[in-house]
Amino acid sequence: MAVPDFQSMMLPILQIVADGESHKAADINATLAAKLDLSESDLAELLPSGRQATFINRSAWAKAYLFKAGLLSRPQRGFYEITGRGREALAADLDRVTLKYLKQFPEFRTFNKGSGGSVETTDDDGDSSEGAQTPLELVENGCRLIKAELAEELLEQVMKCPPAFFEKLVVELLVAMGYGGSIADAGEAVGRSGDDGIDGIIKEDRLGLDAVYIQAKRWEGVVGRPIVQAFAGSLEGQRARKGVFITTSRFSKDAREYVGRIGKSIVLIDGLALAELMIDFGVGVTEVALYSVKRLDADYFDGGDASA
């Protein structure tokens, strides 16, 4: 049989992990392939880009959506367990778990909204429950969903890295963004390790016309106004006019409002913004596929000689 769509894989995946044990993603894939009676040729089928197997791609998205909706948990990277919500789905004796079903859960709706797009859900009869989307809208929404999932994976990985690696990451990101000159220059400027983070002063550009004070912390709790206010005080002590505060968590509303009121130029980069910058500037990620979308060049035809 052909490789089924990822929605058709979600119920079988829940059935595979129904024993409550922690299952490795690769083991789930192997059991799923056997459960779906897929042949070697089915498993060898590739996406149009030729970079990844269709089955692996669809299985990964099925697990990702089940996780976003709270039907699966990730006890550790690459492993999945069924949750109480997942057990309830199995107990409901559903014929199929779909995106439409997952939308009843607030965590999934929040993820879908935060991705900047709308997950297209299609009923069994083929009618779209969201309304028709153009191919370009589907591509763009798909890219946003992929970026949102990647951003979460990046943050999860960053939190597992030691402080020294986080220091290296921040330096490479700042240089990729055009700050600090070379890696050597930036590494020397931003190299005073602190408790679970780094602090330093870095050149705003290669010429060093101005300096930017950097504070970066791998925190899990919300960064409130007192911490940001202390950073502003550090700027005063360094006689610096500009600062960037980077955290793996998020800033409170009060902290952001405080930055907007003071005279110092301070940029707050939370965990989500950090992950998006890493993606945009190619730090800690690798390109899997590149798609080119083209349109008709009306000027080309308008400039032609119809009588020729």
Protein backbone atom coordinates (compact mmCIF):
# COMPACT_ATOMS: atom_id res chain seq x y z
CA MET A 1 0.00 0.00 0.00
CA ALA A 2 1.02 3.64 -0.42
CA VAL A 3 2.33 5.61 2.53
CA PRO A 4 -0.76 6.97 4.33
CA ASP A 5 -1.15 10.62 5.25
CA PHE A 6 0.14 11.72 8.64
CA GLN A 7 -3.35 12.03 10.13
CA SER A 8 -3.93 8.35 9.42
CA MET A 9 -0.79 7.56 11.44
CA MET A 10 -1.84 9.31 14.65
CA LEU A 11 -4.26 6.68 16.01
CA PRO A 12 -1.87 3.76 15.26
CA ILE A 13 0.94 5.65 17.04
CA LEU A 14 -1.24 6.06 20.15
CA GLN A 15 -2.04 2.34 20.01
CA ILE A 16 1.67 1.49 19.81
CA VAL A 17 2.55 3.46 22.95
CA ALA A 18 -0.62 2.46 24.84
CA ASP A 19 1.42 0.27 27.25
CA GLY A 20 2.55 3.41 29.07
CA GLU A 21 6.25 2.70 28.52
CA SER A 22 8.75 5.18 27.08
CA HIS A 23 9.27 4.40 23.38
CA LYS A 24 12.14 5.54 21.17
CA ALA A 25 10.96 7.37 18.05
CA ALA A 26 12.85 4.96 15.78
CA ASP A 27 11.17 1.96 17.46
CA ILE A 28 7.75 3.58 17.03
CA ASN A 29 8.51 4.05 13.33
CA ALA A 30 9.53 0.41 12.90
CA THR A 31 6.38 -0.87 14.63
CA LEU A 32 4.22 1.62 12.74
CA ALA A 33 5.62 0.51 9.38
CA ALA A 34 4.80 -3.10 10.20
CA LYS A 35 1.35 -2.18 11.54
CA LEU A 36 0.57 -0.32 8.30
CA ASP A 37 1.99 -3.22 6.25
CA LEU A 38 4.32 -0.94 4.31
CA SER A 39 6.68 -2.51 1.79
CA GLU A 40 10.36 -1.74 1.28
CA SER A 41 9.45 0.37 -1.75
CA ASP A 42 6.89 2.27 0.35
CA LEU A 43 9.53 3.02 2.97
CA ALA A 44 12.00 4.08 0.27
CA GLU A 45 9.59 6.66 -1.18
CA LEU A 46 11.05 10.16 -0.89
CA LEU A 47 9.52 13.61 -0.64
CA PRO A 48 9.68 15.74 -3.82
CA SER A 49 12.89 17.35 -2.49
CA GLY A 50 14.54 13.92 -2.43
CA ARG A 51 16.04 14.72 0.98
CA GLN A 52 13.82 12.65 3.32
CA ALA A 53 11.66 9.53 3.25
CA THR A 54 7.94 10.29 3.02
CA PHE A 55 7.12 7.80 5.78
CA ILE A 56 9.69 9.27 8.21
CA ASN A 57 8.46 12.80 7.50
CA ARG A 58 4.77 11.99 8.00
CA SER A 59 5.41 9.88 11.10
CA ALA A 60 7.45 12.71 12.63
CA TRP A 61 4.67 15.23 12.06
CA ALA A 62 2.05 12.83 13.44
CA LYS A 63 4.07 12.48 16.66
CA ALA A 64 4.72 16.24 16.79
CA TYR A 65 1.03 17.12 16.54
CA LEU A 66 0.06 14.50 19.13
CA PHE A 67 2.69 16.02 21.43
CA LYS A 68 1.45 19.57 20.82
CA ALA A 69 -2.10 18.47 21.68
CA GLY A 70 -0.97 16.76 24.89
CA LEU A 71 -1.75 13.18 23.81
CA LEU A 72 1.95 12.29 23.91
CA SER A 73 4.73 13.48 26.21
CA ARG A 74 8.49 13.62 25.65
CA PRO A 75 10.23 12.24 28.75
CA GLN A 76 13.55 12.80 27.00
CA ARG A 77 14.71 13.78 23.54
CA GLY A 78 13.71 11.22 20.91
CA PHE A 79 11.35 9.30 23.25
CA TYR A 80 7.56 9.39 23.58
CA GLU A 81 4.99 8.26 26.15
CA ILE A 82 1.21 8.26 26.08
CA THR A 83 -0.53 10.72 28.42
CA GLY A 84 -3.85 10.57 30.23
CA ARG A 85 -5.37 12.57 27.39
CA GLY A 86 -3.99 10.07 24.92
CA ARG A 87 -5.58 7.23 26.86
CA GLU A 88 -8.90 9.05 26.78
CA ALA A 89 -8.65 9.29 22.99
CA LEU A 90 -8.09 5.54 22.77
CA ALA A 91 -10.94 4.85 25.18
CA ALA A 92 -13.26 6.90 22.95
CA ASP A 93 -12.87 4.14 20.35
CA LEU A 94 -12.26 6.61 17.53
CA ASP A 95 -11.91 5.41 13.97
CA ARG A 96 -9.29 8.07 13.31
CA VAL A 97 -7.46 10.87 15.13
CA THR A 98 -7.31 14.00 12.99
CA LEU A 99 -6.17 17.60 13.29
CA LYS A 100 -9.81 18.56 13.61
CA TYR A 101 -10.04 16.31 16.69
CA LEU A 102 -6.84 17.82 18.16
CA LYS A 103 -8.20 21.35 17.86
CA GLN A 104 -10.46 20.76 20.85
CA PHE A 105 -7.39 20.99 23.10
CA PRO A 106 -6.22 24.50 24.12
CA GLU A 107 -2.51 23.63 23.91
CA PHE A 108 -2.88 22.68 20.27
CA ARG A 109 -4.89 25.80 19.47
CA THR A 110 -2.25 27.94 21.16
CA PHE A 111 0.52 26.26 19.17
CA ASN A 112 -1.42 26.68 15.93
CA LYS A 113 -2.05 30.36 16.63
CA GLY A 114 1.54 30.96 17.73
CA SER A 115 2.87 29.47 14.51
CA GLY A 116 1.37 32.40 12.62
CA GLY A 117 -0.69 30.16 10.39
CA SER A 118 -3.70 27.89 10.39
CA VAL A 119 -3.43 24.12 10.26
CA GLU A 120 -5.56 22.98 7.35
CA THR A 121 -7.89 20.19 8.47
CA THR A 122 -9.78 18.10 5.97
CA ASP A 123 -12.76 15.89 6.74
CA ASP A 124 -12.93 12.33 5.48
CA ASP A 125 -15.17 13.41 2.62
CA GLY A 126 -12.45 15.78 1.39
CA ASP A 127 -14.19 19.04 2.32
CA SER A 128 -11.97 21.51 4.09
CA SER A 129 -13.18 22.60 7.51
CA GLU A 130 -11.12 25.79 7.33
CA GLY A 131 -12.07 26.95 3.84
CA ALA A 132 -9.99 26.72 0.68
CA GLN A 133 -6.42 27.99 0.74
CA THR A 134 -4.30 28.78 -2.27
CA PRO A 135 -1.20 26.61 -2.85
CA LEU A 136 1.01 29.56 -1.88
CA GLU A 137 -0.85 30.00 1.42
CA LEU A 138 -0.43 26.31 2.17
CA VAL A 139 3.32 26.55 1.49
CA GLU A 140 3.75 29.64 3.64
CA ASN A 141 1.67 28.23 6.52
CA GLY A 142 3.60 24.99 6.30
CA CYS A 143 6.89 26.88 6.52
CA ARG A 144 5.67 28.76 9.59
CA LEU A 145 4.66 25.52 11.30
CA ILE A 146 8.04 23.97 10.51
CA LYS A 147 9.82 27.04 11.91
CA ALA A 148 7.73 26.99 15.08
CA GLU A 149 8.52 23.32 15.70
CA LEU A 150 12.23 23.90 14.97
CA ALA A 151 12.33 26.90 17.32
CA GLU A 152 10.99 24.77 20.17
CA GLU A 153 13.53 22.02 19.45
CA LEU A 154 16.34 24.59 19.41
CA LEU A 155 15.36 26.01 22.80
CA GLU A 156 15.08 22.52 24.25
CA GLN A 157 18.60 21.75 23.03
CA VAL A 158 20.06 25.08 24.19
CA MET A 159 18.80 24.44 27.72
CA LYS A 160 20.70 21.15 27.80
CA CYS A 161 24.01 22.72 26.75
CA PRO A 162 26.66 23.76 29.31
CA PRO A 163 27.24 27.50 29.97
CA ALA A 164 30.46 27.49 27.91
CA PHE A 165 28.59 26.24 24.86
CA PHE A 166 25.88 28.84 25.35
CA GLU A 167 28.60 31.51 25.43
CA LYS A 168 29.95 30.21 22.12
CA LEU A 169 26.44 30.14 20.65
CA VAL A 170 25.73 33.76 21.58
CA VAL A 171 29.07 34.92 20.17
CA GLU A 172 28.48 33.11 16.86
CA LEU A 173 24.95 34.49 16.62
CA LEU A 174 26.06 38.08 17.25
CA VAL A 175 28.80 37.80 14.63
CA ALA A 176 26.35 36.25 12.14
CA MET A 177 24.11 39.27 12.75
CA GLY A 178 26.98 41.65 11.93
CA TYR A 179 28.16 42.56 15.44
CA GLY A 180 31.60 42.21 16.98
CA GLY A 181 33.74 41.98 13.85
CA SER A 182 35.31 38.50 13.83
CA ILE A 183 34.65 35.46 15.99
CA ALA A 184 37.98 36.11 17.73
CA ASP A 185 37.10 39.75 18.47
CA ALA A 186 33.62 38.89 19.72
CA GLY A 187 34.85 35.93 21.75
CA GLU A 188 37.36 38.13 23.54
CA ALA A 189 34.79 40.85 24.22
CA VAL A 190 32.02 38.50 25.34
CA GLY A 191 34.02 36.05 27.36
CA ARG A 192 33.52 36.66 31.06
CA SER A 193 31.53 33.65 32.21
CA GLY A 194 29.04 34.11 34.98
CA ASP A 195 26.63 31.80 36.73
CA ASP A 196 24.65 30.12 33.94
CA GLY A 197 25.27 32.91 31.41
CA ILE A 198 27.70 35.42 29.94
CA ASP A 199 28.25 39.16 30.11
CA GLY A 200 30.42 41.48 28.07
CA ILE A 201 30.80 44.43 25.74
CA ILE A 202 30.86 43.93 22.00
CA LYS A 203 31.45 46.24 19.04
CA GLU A 204 28.27 47.37 17.31
CA ASP A 205 29.97 47.04 13.93
CA ARG A 206 33.30 46.00 12.44
CA LEU A 207 34.70 49.52 12.82
CA GLY A 208 33.87 49.63 16.50
CA LEU A 209 32.14 53.03 16.28
CA ASP A 210 29.93 52.16 19.23
CA ALA A 211 29.71 49.45 21.89
CA VAL A 212 26.82 47.25 22.93
CA TYR A 213 26.65 45.73 26.41
CA ILE A 214 25.49 42.10 26.38
CA GLN A 215 23.87 40.08 29.11
CA ALA A 216 22.77 36.53 28.33
CA LYS A 217 21.25 34.06 30.78
CA ARG A 218 19.89 30.53 30.41
CA TRP A 219 16.90 30.96 32.68
CA GLU A 220 13.64 29.06 32.91
CA GLY A 221 11.64 31.51 35.03
CA VAL A 222 10.15 34.81 33.87
CA VAL A 223 12.65 37.68 33.83
CA GLY A 224 11.02 40.55 35.73
CA ARG A 225 11.60 44.27 35.92
CA PRO A 226 14.12 44.18 38.83
CA ILE A 227 16.57 42.07 36.81
CA VAL A 228 16.20 44.24 33.71
CA GLN A 229 16.51 47.37 35.85
CA ALA A 230 19.77 46.02 37.30
CA PHE A 231 21.01 45.51 33.75
CA ALA A 232 20.16 49.12 32.93
CA GLY A 233 22.24 50.09 35.96
CA SER A 234 25.13 48.06 34.60
CA LEU A 235 24.93 50.07 31.39
CA GLU A 236 25.27 53.24 33.41
CA GLY A 237 28.32 51.84 35.16
CA GLN A 238 29.90 50.92 31.83
CA ARG A 239 28.96 54.30 30.35
CA ALA A 240 27.24 52.37 27.58
CA ARG A 241 24.21 53.70 25.71
CA LYS A 242 23.07 50.44 24.16
CA GLY A 243 22.39 46.99 25.55
CA VAL A 244 21.02 43.61 24.56
CA PHE A 245 19.54 41.25 27.15
CA ILE A 246 19.21 37.66 25.92
CA THR A 247 17.36 34.97 27.86
CA THR A 248 16.12 31.48 27.07
CA SER A 249 12.89 32.19 28.99
CA ARG A 250 10.65 35.25 28.61
CA PHE A 251 10.30 38.78 29.96
CA SER A 252 7.42 40.00 32.07
CA LYS A 253 5.10 42.71 30.75
CA ASP A 254 6.41 45.06 33.44
CA ALA A 255 10.00 44.48 32.29
CA ARG A 256 9.15 45.31 28.69
CA GLU A 257 7.21 48.41 29.68
CA TYR A 258 10.13 49.58 31.82
CA VAL A 259 12.54 49.31 28.87
CA GLY A 260 10.14 51.37 26.78
CA ARG A 261 10.17 54.21 29.31
CA ILE A 262 13.87 54.65 30.03
CA GLY A 263 16.35 56.66 28.01
CA LYS A 264 18.75 53.77 27.43
CA SER A 265 18.43 51.76 24.24
CA ILE A 266 17.90 48.19 25.45
CA VAL A 267 16.74 45.30 23.28
CA LEU A 268 15.13 42.33 25.02
CA ILE A 269 15.50 38.97 23.26
CA ASP A 270 13.46 36.16 24.82
CA GLY A 271 13.75 32.45 24.12
CA LEU A 272 11.43 32.44 21.13
CA ALA A 273 13.18 35.44 19.54
CA LEU A 274 16.58 33.82 20.21
CA ALA A 275 15.50 30.61 18.46
CA GLU A 276 14.08 32.55 15.50
CA LEU A 277 17.32 34.54 15.15
CA MET A 278 19.30 31.29 15.20
CA ILE A 279 17.12 29.98 12.39
CA ASP A 280 17.25 33.21 10.37
CA PHE A 281 21.05 33.53 10.64
CA GLY A 282 21.87 29.83 10.31
CA VAL A 283 23.28 29.15 13.80
CA GLY A 284 22.72 25.61 15.07
CA VAL A 285 20.57 24.63 12.08
CA THR A 286 21.20 23.13 8.68
CA GLU A 287 19.26 23.54 5.45
CA VAL A 288 17.23 20.50 4.47
CA ALA A 289 15.45 21.76 1.37
CA LEU A 290 15.03 25.00 -0.56
CA TYR A 291 11.90 25.67 -2.59
CA SER A 292 11.64 28.41 -5.21
CA VAL A 293 8.18 29.86 -5.90
CA LYS A 294 7.89 31.75 -9.18
CA ARG A 295 5.24 33.91 -10.80
CA LEU A 296 4.51 35.17 -14.30
CA ASP A 297 6.77 38.04 -15.40
CA ALA A 298 4.21 40.35 -17.03
CA ASP A 299 6.94 42.84 -18.04
CA TYR A 300 8.62 40.18 -20.17
CA PHE A 301 5.52 39.71 -22.30
CA ASP A 302 4.56 43.41 -22.38
CA GLY A 303 7.96 44.21 -23.83
CA GLY A 304 7.67 41.71 -26.68
CA ASP A 305 6.92 42.59 -30.30
CA ALA A 306 3.58 40.98 -31.16
CA SER A 307 4.09 41.54 -34.89
CA ALA A 308 7.38 39.64 -35.02
